[in-house]
């Protein structure tokens, strides 16, 4: 049996956030998710929880680097670019020995899948816009909670 390096922490246990986000989305394609729907409102509520948790464990640099990669893709990414964005996040999680970005990755996994499932470019663009709104919501709640904890 291989021994674990003492400086590398074992993978964090599943947070359950992946299942919660997948449950909110259900079978609805991301491109069909209306901003006024109950599912979208629940998704933003989940973003609030994720942003609050990330504010306690993720550095501003880590979250802003990821947000920069999202913005770099623009509004109409190819499917390959979505795969690369997912790989970028996986790399960032693996690079950090404390795996602080794991919760964010778990939350975004169901959305990555939904965006990649869209074969029509117009629908993929709409699905990606919803994906970006979710990430922006997480970052907004992250910023709010990070500032709030600094003031305390």
Protein backbone atom coordinates (compact mmCIF):
# COMPACT_ATOMS: atom_id res chain seq x y z
CA UNK A 1 0.00 0.00 0.00
CA UNK A 2 1.24 3.45 -0.92
CA UNK A 3 1.96 5.77 1.96
CA UNK A 4 0.45 9.23 1.90
CA UNK A 5 2.82 12.16 1.88
CA UNK A 6 2.50 13.97 5.21
CA UNK A 7 2.19 17.40 3.55
CA UNK A 8 -0.82 16.39 1.42
CA UNK A 9 -4.20 16.27 3.07
CA UNK A 10 -6.66 13.58 2.00
CA UNK A 11 -9.51 14.65 -0.25
CA UNK A 12 -12.21 16.43 1.66
CA UNK A 13 -15.37 14.37 2.18
CA UNK A 14 -18.25 15.12 -0.14
CA UNK A 15 -19.99 18.25 0.99
CA UNK A 16 -23.36 17.21 -0.38
CA UNK A 17 -23.54 20.49 -2.27
CA UNK A 18 -23.22 18.67 -5.62
CA UNK A 19 -26.33 16.64 -4.86
CA UNK A 20 -28.20 19.71 -3.58
CA UNK A 21 -27.47 21.70 -6.75
CA UNK A 22 -28.31 18.73 -8.98
CA UNK A 23 -31.57 18.32 -7.05
CA UNK A 24 -32.50 21.96 -7.58
CA UNK A 25 -31.81 21.71 -11.31
CA UNK A 26 -33.56 18.38 -11.72
CA UNK A 27 -34.14 17.40 -15.33
CA UNK A 28 -34.64 20.98 -16.55
CA UNK A 29 -32.09 21.95 -19.21
CA UNK A 30 -30.06 24.95 -18.05
CA UNK A 31 -31.01 26.82 -21.23
CA UNK A 32 -34.69 26.56 -20.22
CA UNK A 33 -34.20 27.82 -16.69
CA UNK A 34 -36.20 31.05 -16.38
CA UNK A 35 -34.74 33.69 -14.05
CA UNK A 36 -38.17 34.02 -12.43
CA UNK A 37 -38.55 30.29 -11.78
CA UNK A 38 -38.50 28.72 -8.35
CA UNK A 39 -35.49 26.59 -9.38
CA UNK A 40 -33.44 29.66 -10.29
CA UNK A 41 -34.35 31.36 -7.01
CA UNK A 42 -33.31 28.21 -5.11
CA UNK A 43 -30.08 28.16 -7.09
CA UNK A 44 -29.28 31.73 -6.03
CA UNK A 45 -30.10 30.82 -2.41
CA UNK A 46 -27.60 27.97 -2.73
CA UNK A 47 -25.06 30.45 -4.18
CA UNK A 48 -25.49 32.49 -0.99
CA UNK A 49 -24.59 29.44 1.15
CA UNK A 50 -21.63 28.55 -1.06
CA UNK A 51 -20.33 32.14 -1.14
CA UNK A 52 -20.57 32.34 2.65
CA UNK A 53 -18.68 29.06 3.08
CA UNK A 54 -16.03 30.03 0.53
CA UNK A 55 -15.45 33.34 2.34
CA UNK A 56 -14.25 31.34 5.34
CA UNK A 57 -11.81 29.12 3.46
CA UNK A 58 -10.96 30.39 -0.05
CA UNK A 59 -8.61 33.28 -0.75
CA UNK A 60 -9.75 36.21 -2.84
CA UNK A 61 -7.00 35.42 -5.35
CA UNK A 62 -8.27 31.86 -5.82
CA UNK A 63 -11.85 32.89 -6.47
CA UNK A 64 -10.96 35.88 -8.65
CA UNK A 65 -8.56 33.79 -10.76
CA UNK A 66 -11.40 31.41 -11.52
CA UNK A 67 -13.79 34.28 -12.23
CA UNK A 68 -11.19 35.71 -14.62
CA UNK A 69 -11.12 32.42 -16.53
CA UNK A 70 -14.92 32.46 -16.75
CA UNK A 71 -14.93 36.01 -18.12
CA UNK A 72 -12.13 35.21 -20.56
CA UNK A 73 -14.45 32.75 -22.31
CA UNK A 74 -16.85 35.50 -23.28
CA UNK A 75 -20.55 34.98 -23.85
CA UNK A 76 -20.47 32.23 -26.49
CA UNK A 77 -17.94 29.55 -25.50
CA UNK A 78 -17.36 26.40 -27.49
CA UNK A 79 -18.00 23.11 -25.74
CA UNK A 80 -14.24 22.53 -25.63
CA UNK A 81 -13.75 25.76 -23.72
CA UNK A 82 -16.30 24.65 -21.12
CA UNK A 83 -14.35 21.39 -20.70
CA UNK A 84 -11.14 23.41 -20.29
CA UNK A 85 -12.78 25.65 -17.69
CA UNK A 86 -13.83 22.56 -15.77
CA UNK A 87 -10.26 21.23 -16.03
CA UNK A 88 -8.89 24.59 -14.83
CA UNK A 89 -11.05 24.39 -11.70
CA UNK A 90 -10.06 20.75 -11.09
CA UNK A 91 -6.40 21.78 -11.39
CA UNK A 92 -6.91 24.64 -8.91
CA UNK A 93 -8.54 22.25 -6.44
CA UNK A 94 -5.76 19.69 -6.82
CA UNK A 95 -3.01 22.30 -6.57
CA UNK A 96 -4.21 23.48 -3.17
CA UNK A 97 -3.15 20.99 -0.53
CA UNK A 98 -6.10 22.01 1.67
CA UNK A 99 -8.55 21.59 -1.26
CA UNK A 100 -10.42 24.75 -0.27
CA UNK A 101 -12.03 25.10 -3.71
CA UNK A 102 -13.60 21.64 -3.51
CA UNK A 103 -16.98 23.01 -2.38
CA UNK A 104 -17.06 25.38 -5.36
CA UNK A 105 -16.14 22.57 -7.76
CA UNK A 106 -18.80 20.30 -6.27
CA UNK A 107 -21.43 23.02 -6.69
CA UNK A 108 -20.46 23.72 -10.30
CA UNK A 109 -20.15 20.11 -11.49
CA UNK A 110 -23.91 19.69 -12.24
CA UNK A 111 -23.92 23.01 -14.10
CA UNK A 112 -20.84 22.08 -16.13
CA UNK A 113 -22.67 18.90 -17.16
CA UNK A 114 -25.80 20.80 -18.15
CA UNK A 115 -23.85 23.31 -20.28
CA UNK A 116 -21.88 20.53 -22.00
CA UNK A 117 -25.10 18.63 -22.83
CA UNK A 118 -26.35 21.45 -25.04
CA UNK A 119 -25.43 20.68 -28.66
CA UNK A 120 -27.16 23.72 -30.19
CA UNK A 121 -24.92 26.80 -30.00
CA UNK A 122 -27.77 29.18 -29.14
CA UNK A 123 -29.01 26.95 -26.30
CA UNK A 124 -25.44 26.43 -25.04
CA UNK A 125 -24.95 30.21 -24.99
CA UNK A 126 -28.12 30.62 -22.92
CA UNK A 127 -27.11 27.76 -20.59
CA UNK A 128 -23.65 29.31 -20.16
CA UNK A 129 -25.23 32.68 -19.32
CA UNK A 130 -27.17 31.01 -16.49
CA UNK A 131 -23.98 29.23 -15.39
CA UNK A 132 -22.15 32.59 -15.29
CA UNK A 133 -24.99 34.21 -13.30
CA UNK A 134 -24.66 31.43 -10.72
CA UNK A 135 -20.89 31.94 -10.45
CA UNK A 136 -21.30 35.71 -10.24
CA UNK A 137 -23.81 35.22 -7.42
CA UNK A 138 -21.36 33.01 -5.54
CA UNK A 139 -18.60 35.62 -5.97
CA UNK A 140 -20.94 38.43 -4.86
CA UNK A 141 -21.92 36.57 -1.69
CA UNK A 142 -18.25 35.65 -1.19
CA UNK A 143 -17.27 39.34 -1.36
CA UNK A 144 -20.06 40.36 1.01
CA UNK A 145 -19.15 37.73 3.59
CA UNK A 146 -15.40 38.27 3.27
CA UNK A 147 -15.86 42.00 3.96
CA UNK A 148 -18.25 41.23 6.80
CA UNK A 149 -15.76 38.89 8.47
CA UNK A 150 -12.96 41.47 8.12
CA UNK A 151 -15.08 44.06 9.91
CA UNK A 152 -15.69 41.71 12.86
